[in-house]
Protein backbone atom coordinates (compact mmCIF):
# COMPACT_ATOMS: atom_id res chain seq x y z
CA MET A 1 12.40 41.75 1.48
CA ALA A 2 13.12 38.29 -0.13
CA PRO A 3 12.69 37.91 -3.97
CA ARG A 4 9.49 35.90 -4.95
CA GLY A 5 9.89 32.18 -5.18
CA THR A 6 12.40 31.70 -2.29
CA ALA A 7 11.71 29.77 0.99
CA ARG A 8 10.36 32.80 2.63
CA ASP A 9 7.47 32.69 0.41
CA THR A 10 6.81 29.03 0.83
CA PRO A 11 4.55 27.86 3.58
CA ARG A 12 6.22 26.03 6.31
CA SER A 13 3.42 23.43 6.65
CA ALA A 14 0.15 22.24 5.27
CA ALA A 15 -2.44 19.56 5.82
CA VAL A 16 -2.65 17.10 3.22
CA ARG A 17 -5.62 14.52 2.72
CA VAL A 18 -4.37 11.09 2.65
CA GLY A 19 -6.65 9.39 0.23
CA ARG A 20 -9.82 7.85 -0.81
CA SER A 21 -9.53 4.90 1.73
CA HIS A 22 -8.85 7.44 4.62
CA PRO A 23 -11.04 10.43 3.63
CA ASP A 24 -11.08 11.95 7.14
CA LEU A 25 -7.25 11.38 7.77
CA LYS A 26 -5.14 14.37 7.08
CA VAL A 27 -1.50 14.50 7.62
CA PHE A 28 0.31 17.77 8.83
CA VAL A 29 3.30 18.21 6.55
CA THR A 30 6.03 20.22 8.24
CA SER A 31 8.52 19.71 5.25
CA TRP A 32 7.80 20.00 1.68
CA ALA A 33 10.31 17.27 1.13
CA SER A 34 7.82 15.14 3.26
CA ILE A 35 5.23 15.37 0.34
CA ALA A 36 7.57 13.19 -1.76
CA SER A 37 6.69 10.44 0.78
CA ILE A 38 2.87 10.59 0.15
CA GLY A 39 2.00 8.55 -2.93
CA LEU A 40 -0.68 9.50 -5.62
CA ASP A 41 -2.82 6.60 -4.05
CA GLY A 42 -2.74 8.45 -0.60
CA ASN A 43 -0.64 5.96 1.29
CA MET A 44 2.14 6.99 3.36
CA ARG A 45 5.76 6.20 2.71
CA ARG A 46 9.27 6.98 4.32
CA MET A 47 12.34 7.33 2.29
CA THR A 48 13.85 3.99 2.41
CA ALA A 49 16.78 1.67 1.34
CA PRO A 50 16.71 0.20 -2.29
CA GLY A 51 14.27 -2.92 -2.19
CA GLU A 52 12.48 -1.67 0.85
CA TRP A 53 9.30 0.10 1.40
CA ARG A 54 7.96 1.47 4.89
CA CYS A 55 4.77 2.94 6.20
CA ALA A 56 3.45 3.64 9.83
CA ALA A 57 1.52 0.45 11.04
CA ALA A 58 -1.13 2.78 12.35
CA SER A 59 -1.71 4.06 8.74
CA VAL A 60 -3.05 0.62 7.69
CA PRO A 61 -6.07 0.04 10.28
CA PRO A 62 -7.87 -3.28 10.42
CA GLY A 63 -9.58 -4.34 7.29
CA ARG A 64 -7.60 -1.74 5.18
CA THR A 65 -4.74 -2.09 2.76
CA ALA A 66 -1.96 0.06 1.48
CA THR A 67 -0.35 -0.04 -1.98
CA PHE A 68 3.45 0.40 -2.79
CA ARG A 69 6.26 -0.21 -5.37
CA LEU A 70 9.38 -2.02 -4.63
CA GLU A 71 12.63 -1.81 -6.94
CA CYS A 72 13.95 -5.31 -6.88
CA GLY A 73 17.01 -6.22 -8.80
CA GLY A 74 16.20 -3.55 -11.43
CA ARG A 75 12.52 -4.18 -11.91
CA SER A 76 9.47 -2.58 -10.37
CA VAL A 77 7.32 -4.74 -8.25
CA SER A 78 3.79 -3.41 -7.40
CA GLY A 79 2.53 -4.84 -4.03
CA PHE A 80 0.05 -4.32 -1.13
CA VAL A 81 -0.11 -4.89 2.54
CA VAL A 82 -3.37 -6.01 4.19
CA ASN A 83 -4.28 -5.71 7.92
CA PHE A 84 -6.57 -8.70 8.59
CA ASP A 85 -7.42 -10.50 11.67
CA GLY A 86 -4.77 -9.01 13.90
CA GLY A 87 -1.98 -9.39 11.31
CA TYR A 88 -0.34 -7.79 8.57
CA HIS A 89 0.34 -9.57 5.26
CA ALA A 90 2.13 -8.43 2.03
CA TYR A 91 1.61 -9.58 -1.48
CA VAL A 92 2.63 -8.78 -5.01
CA ASP A 93 -0.29 -7.07 -6.70
CA ARG A 94 -0.81 -9.68 -9.38
CA CYS A 95 -3.35 -12.16 -9.87
CA PRO A 96 -2.09 -15.83 -10.60
CA HIS A 97 -4.82 -16.51 -13.12
CA VAL A 98 -3.47 -13.92 -15.70
CA GLY A 99 -1.11 -11.60 -14.01
CA THR A 100 -3.46 -8.63 -13.85
CA PRO A 101 -3.47 -6.25 -10.71
CA LEU A 102 -6.03 -7.20 -8.09
CA ASP A 103 -7.25 -3.65 -7.69
CA LEU A 104 -9.08 -2.18 -10.66
CA TRP A 105 -9.77 0.77 -8.55
CA PRO A 106 -6.87 1.92 -6.58
CA ASN A 107 -6.41 0.37 -3.07
CA GLU A 108 -9.83 -1.45 -3.46
CA PHE A 109 -8.90 -5.19 -2.50
CA PHE A 110 -11.57 -6.46 -0.21
CA THR A 111 -14.94 -8.14 -0.89
CA GLU A 112 -17.88 -6.15 0.21
CA ASP A 113 -18.14 -8.06 3.52
CA GLY A 114 -14.56 -7.49 4.28
CA GLN A 115 -13.58 -11.28 4.80
CA ALA A 116 -11.73 -11.89 1.46
CA LEU A 117 -9.46 -10.27 -1.20
CA VAL A 118 -11.00 -10.20 -4.77
CA CYS A 119 -9.48 -9.67 -8.17
CA SER A 120 -11.50 -7.24 -9.81
CA THR A 121 -10.74 -8.52 -13.27
CA HIS A 122 -12.28 -12.01 -13.18
CA GLY A 123 -13.45 -12.48 -9.58
CA ALA A 124 -10.81 -14.69 -8.02
CA ILE A 125 -11.47 -14.80 -4.29
CA PHE A 126 -8.26 -15.05 -1.88
CA GLU A 127 -7.85 -15.62 1.91
CA PRO A 128 -6.36 -12.24 3.27
CA ASP A 129 -4.10 -14.06 5.67
CA THR A 130 -2.70 -16.88 3.42
CA GLY A 131 -3.15 -15.53 -0.03
CA PHE A 132 -4.88 -18.76 -0.91
CA CYS A 133 -7.36 -18.73 -3.84
CA THR A 134 -10.60 -20.34 -2.75
CA GLY A 135 -12.87 -19.50 -5.62
CA GLY A 136 -12.68 -18.20 -9.22
CA PRO A 137 -10.43 -19.13 -12.20
CA CYS A 138 -7.23 -19.75 -10.01
CA ALA A 139 -8.71 -21.76 -7.27
CA GLY A 140 -6.07 -23.51 -5.44
CA ASP A 141 -3.20 -21.11 -6.37
CA ARG A 142 -1.90 -18.37 -4.28
CA LEU A 143 -0.94 -14.86 -4.32
CA THR A 144 2.89 -14.14 -4.20
CA ARG A 145 3.99 -13.16 -0.48
CA LEU A 146 6.34 -10.52 0.15
CA PRO A 147 8.62 -10.51 3.24
CA LEU A 148 7.13 -8.25 5.96
CA ARG A 149 8.08 -7.24 9.41
CA VAL A 150 7.17 -4.82 12.00
CA GLU A 151 9.97 -2.65 13.26
CA ASP A 152 9.44 0.50 15.59
CA ALA A 153 5.72 0.81 14.90
CA SER A 154 6.46 0.79 11.00
CA LEU A 155 5.68 -2.00 8.46
CA VAL A 156 8.66 -2.92 6.45
CA VAL A 157 8.33 -4.84 3.04
CA THR A 158 11.28 -5.99 1.43
CA CYS A 159 12.18 -7.84 -2.02
CA PRO A 160 11.66 -11.54 -2.14
């Protein structure tokens, strides 16, 4: 019999709840190394090259968002991807008004009607597909867009 604490005592797989924004979605983890790719905010990640973040496009359904961090030239950049009106868009999670994150509550970016992004600190309203601020203290300004491409059913966000 193997000593306790070895791989033989470790379950081979587990179901993991993805997060608050997808309460019914569970991921079947077949390798405990895979858990490192599930963030505390519940968004799926794959191990990637420096300055790059990936997730399955299907994990960001219409009207939803996914948050991430990128390492860009020695600094950490928080961002989010939004799926809106048939397209994916990536932005730095920083309001142009005073630089605070838009989501006071993790991964909560949309207005109640789902038609705009909102800064939870001062109420600035942004178009999800352009990042343009249509109302609030930074009206006329924009969110900082990040490069995003779809590759093999994955979303790939890179440093600017």
